[in-house]
Amino acid sequence: MFIRLNSIEIFAHHGVYEEEIRNGNHFEIDLEVEVADTSATRTDALSDTLDYTKLYTTVIKVSEKKRYNLLEAFACDICMVVLDTFREVRGVGVKVRKMNAPVGGKLNFVEVEYKSFRGE
């Protein structure tokens, strides 16, 4: 079973360039976790599944704990923290999008995708 949180919006000061660090930027994050089929499919009880509000909070905490130069490191840390925090997660994938990336032209966003699986 997969649980997906799409387009988590944050504002942070991640980036390499002084302007990004000083002014900040908008980011969007997609998080996908794979878990075994849970008894919640039968019980309809929150206590029998992975609470996605806890996943959301985890993503926010990773962003607030450290300033990242690279999207690659940010995405990797989200995956590692999710795997470390939630034992029931078999695998995790994250996409981090930087909106308004400083590329010297018109661009919707830059995106990095990272995936990790338990035991890797």
C-alpha atoms as a PDB file:
ATOM      1  CA  MET A   1       0.000   0.000   0.000  1.00  0.00           C
ATOM      2  CA  PHE A   2       1.209   3.517  -0.740  1.00  0.00           C
ATOM      3  CA  ILE A   3       0.500   6.724   1.133  1.00  0.00           C
ATOM      4  CA  ARG A   4       1.209   9.920  -0.810  1.00  0.00           C
ATOM      5  CA  LEU A   5       1.371  13.533   0.295  1.00  0.00           C
ATOM      6  CA  ASN A   6       1.424  15.777  -2.758  1.00  0.00           C
ATOM      7  CA  SER A   7       2.591  19.362  -3.090  1.00  0.00           C
ATOM      8  CA  ILE A   8       3.534  20.101   0.502  1.00  0.00           C
ATOM      9  CA  GLU A   9       4.297  23.825   0.347  1.00  0.00           C
ATOM     10  CA  ILE A  10       7.095  25.339   2.386  1.00  0.00           C
ATOM     11  CA  PHE A  11       9.121  28.529   2.401  1.00  0.00           C
ATOM     12  CA  ALA A  12      12.771  28.121   3.317  1.00  0.00           C
ATOM     13  CA  HIS A  13      16.228  29.593   2.835  1.00  0.00           C
ATOM     14  CA  HIS A  14      17.761  26.552   1.131  1.00  0.00           C
ATOM     15  CA  GLY A  15      20.122  27.148  -1.782  1.00  0.00           C
ATOM     16  CA  VAL A  16      23.673  27.904  -2.813  1.00  0.00           C
ATOM     17  CA  TYR A  17      23.415  31.512  -3.917  1.00  0.00           C
ATOM     18  CA  GLU A  18      23.489  34.407  -1.472  1.00  0.00           C
ATOM     19  CA  GLU A  19      20.158  35.751  -2.766  1.00  0.00           C
ATOM     20  CA  GLU A  20      18.442  32.388  -2.080  1.00  0.00           C
ATOM     21  CA  ILE A  21      19.906  32.221   1.404  1.00  0.00           C
ATOM     22  CA  ARG A  22      18.963  35.816   2.221  1.00  0.00           C
ATOM     23  CA  ASN A  23      15.502  36.009   0.589  1.00  0.00           C
ATOM     24  CA  GLY A  24      14.360  32.393   0.707  1.00  0.00           C
ATOM     25  CA  ASN A  25      12.269  30.561  -1.827  1.00  0.00           C
ATOM     26  CA  HIS A  26       9.125  28.492  -2.183  1.00  0.00           C
ATOM     27  CA  PHE A  27       9.413  24.720  -2.345  1.00  0.00           C
ATOM     28  CA  GLU A  28       6.972  21.914  -3.041  1.00  0.00           C
ATOM     29  CA  ILE A  29       7.525  18.404  -1.776  1.00  0.00           C
ATOM     30  CA  ASP A  30       5.838  15.154  -2.798  1.00  0.00           C
ATOM     31  CA  LEU A  31       6.273  12.273  -0.377  1.00  0.00           C
ATOM     32  CA  GLU A  32       5.394   8.649  -1.099  1.00  0.00           C
ATOM     33  CA  VAL A  33       5.782   5.864   1.448  1.00  0.00           C
ATOM     34  CA  GLU A  34       5.198   2.171   0.984  1.00  0.00           C
ATOM     35  CA  VAL A  35       3.778   0.218   3.908  1.00  0.00           C
ATOM     36  CA  ALA A  36       2.449  -3.298   4.261  1.00  0.00           C
ATOM     37  CA  ASP A  37      -1.290  -3.564   3.904  1.00  0.00           C
ATOM     38  CA  THR A  38      -2.572  -2.538   7.300  1.00  0.00           C
ATOM     39  CA  SER A  39      -5.455  -3.771   9.377  1.00  0.00           C
ATOM     40  CA  ALA A  40      -6.923  -0.288   8.903  1.00  0.00           C
ATOM     41  CA  THR A  41      -8.333  -1.482   5.591  1.00  0.00           C
ATOM     42  CA  ARG A  42     -10.678  -3.641   7.679  1.00  0.00           C
ATOM     43  CA  THR A  43     -11.013  -1.690  10.929  1.00  0.00           C
ATOM     44  CA  ASP A  44     -11.193   1.836   9.502  1.00  0.00           C
ATOM     45  CA  ALA A  45      -9.266   2.971  12.603  1.00  0.00           C
ATOM     46  CA  LEU A  46      -6.510   5.586  12.515  1.00  0.00           C
ATOM     47  CA  SER A  47      -4.610   3.686  15.186  1.00  0.00           C
ATOM     48  CA  ASP A  48      -4.176   0.788  12.728  1.00  0.00           C
ATOM     49  CA  THR A  49      -2.381   2.768  10.024  1.00  0.00           C
ATOM     50  CA  LEU A  50       0.423   5.256   9.483  1.00  0.00           C
ATOM     51  CA  ASP A  51      -0.978   8.694  10.310  1.00  0.00           C
ATOM     52  CA  TYR A  52      -0.113  10.928   7.354  1.00  0.00           C
ATOM     53  CA  THR A  53      -0.205  14.042   9.552  1.00  0.00           C
ATOM     54  CA  LYS A  54       2.910  12.637  11.262  1.00  0.00           C
ATOM     55  CA  LEU A  55       4.576  12.250   7.874  1.00  0.00           C
ATOM     56  CA  TYR A  56       3.728  15.862   7.042  1.00  0.00           C
ATOM     57  CA  THR A  57       5.154  17.090  10.345  1.00  0.00           C
ATOM     58  CA  THR A  58       8.331  15.090   9.750  1.00  0.00           C
ATOM     59  CA  VAL A  59       8.926  16.764   6.376  1.00  0.00           C
ATOM     60  CA  ILE A  60       8.461  20.217   7.929  1.00  0.00           C
ATOM     61  CA  LYS A  61      10.851  19.404  10.788  1.00  0.00           C
ATOM     62  CA  VAL A  62      13.572  18.233   8.382  1.00  0.00           C
ATOM     63  CA  SER A  63      13.295  21.510   6.479  1.00  0.00           C
ATOM     64  CA  GLU A  64      13.436  23.612   9.649  1.00  0.00           C
ATOM     65  CA  LYS A  65      16.308  21.727  11.299  1.00  0.00           C
ATOM     66  CA  LYS A  66      18.994  22.640   8.761  1.00  0.00           C
ATOM     67  CA  ARG A  67      19.658  24.928   5.801  1.00  0.00           C
ATOM     68  CA  TYR A  68      20.496  22.912   2.700  1.00  0.00           C
ATOM     69  CA  ASN A  69      22.673  24.001  -0.193  1.00  0.00           C
ATOM     70  CA  LEU A  70      21.424  21.269  -2.504  1.00  0.00           C
ATOM     71  CA  LEU A  71      18.019  19.788  -3.216  1.00  0.00           C
ATOM     72  CA  GLU A  72      19.712  16.385  -3.422  1.00  0.00           C
ATOM     73  CA  ALA A  73      20.817  16.510   0.223  1.00  0.00           C
ATOM     74  CA  PHE A  74      17.427  17.850   1.342  1.00  0.00           C
ATOM     75  CA  ALA A  75      15.549  15.043  -0.440  1.00  0.00           C
ATOM     76  CA  CYS A  76      17.926  12.387   0.890  1.00  0.00           C
ATOM     77  CA  ASP A  77      17.547  13.605   4.487  1.00  0.00           C
ATOM     78  CA  ILE A  78      13.752  13.520   4.233  1.00  0.00           C
ATOM     79  CA  CYS A  79      13.930   9.890   3.078  1.00  0.00           C
ATOM     80  CA  MET A  80      16.385   8.867   5.789  1.00  0.00           C
ATOM     81  CA  VAL A  81      14.416  10.542   8.595  1.00  0.00           C
ATOM     82  CA  VAL A  82      11.152   8.952   7.429  1.00  0.00           C
ATOM     83  CA  LEU A  83      12.771   5.503   7.345  1.00  0.00           C
ATOM     84  CA  ASP A  84      14.369   6.052  10.770  1.00  0.00           C
ATOM     85  CA  THR A  85      11.184   7.405  12.343  1.00  0.00           C
ATOM     86  CA  PHE A  86       8.524   5.062  10.974  1.00  0.00           C
ATOM     87  CA  ARG A  87       9.478   1.388  11.291  1.00  0.00           C
ATOM     88  CA  GLU A  88       6.440   0.313   9.260  1.00  0.00           C
ATOM     89  CA  VAL A  89       7.705   2.130   6.150  1.00  0.00           C
ATOM     90  CA  ARG A  90       9.256  -0.278   3.642  1.00  0.00           C
ATOM     91  CA  GLY A  91      10.282   2.342   1.118  1.00  0.00           C
ATOM     92  CA  VAL A  92      10.096   6.070   0.621  1.00  0.00           C
ATOM     93  CA  GLY A  93      10.325   8.409  -2.334  1.00  0.00           C
ATOM     94  CA  VAL A  94      10.455  12.165  -2.281  1.00  0.00           C
ATOM     95  CA  LYS A  95      10.398  14.864  -4.926  1.00  0.00           C
ATOM     96  CA  VAL A  96      11.595  18.314  -3.929  1.00  0.00           C
ATOM     97  CA  ARG A  97      10.769  21.196  -6.252  1.00  0.00           C
ATOM     98  CA  LYS A  98      12.345  24.632  -5.996  1.00  0.00           C
ATOM     99  CA  MET A  99       9.991  27.211  -7.431  1.00  0.00           C
ATOM    100  CA  ASN A 100      11.537  30.256  -9.109  1.00  0.00           C
ATOM    101  CA  ALA A 101      14.994  28.691  -9.300  1.00  0.00           C
ATOM    102  CA  PRO A 102      17.702  31.217 -10.231  1.00  0.00           C
ATOM    103  CA  VAL A 103      18.588  29.941 -13.705  1.00  0.00           C
ATOM    104  CA  GLY A 104      18.623  33.245 -15.583  1.00  0.00           C
ATOM    105  CA  GLY A 105      15.426  32.539 -17.506  1.00  0.00           C
ATOM    106  CA  LYS A 106      11.795  31.481 -17.251  1.00  0.00           C
ATOM    107  CA  LEU A 107      11.302  28.124 -15.550  1.00  0.00           C
ATOM    108  CA  ASN A 108       8.409  26.720 -13.504  1.00  0.00           C
ATOM    109  CA  PHE A 109      10.598  24.749 -11.113  1.00  0.00           C
ATOM    110  CA  VAL A 110      13.613  22.518 -10.675  1.00  0.00           C
ATOM    111  CA  GLU A 111      12.941  19.069  -9.234  1.00  0.00           C
ATOM    112  CA  VAL A 112      15.047  16.372  -7.595  1.00  0.00           C
ATOM    113  CA  GLU A 113      13.716  12.891  -6.858  1.00  0.00           C
ATOM    114  CA  TYR A 114      15.216  10.506  -4.306  1.00  0.00           C
ATOM    115  CA  LYS A 115      14.094   7.016  -3.301  1.00  0.00           C
ATOM    116  CA  SER A 116      15.274   4.679  -0.582  1.00  0.00           C
ATOM    117  CA  PHE A 117      14.161   1.315   0.708  1.00  0.00           C
ATOM    118  CA  ARG A 118      14.611  -0.351   4.064  1.00  0.00           C
ATOM    119  CA  GLY A 119      17.858  -2.269   4.199  1.00  0.00           C
ATOM    120  CA  GLU A 120      19.659  -0.205   1.528  1.00  0.00           C
END
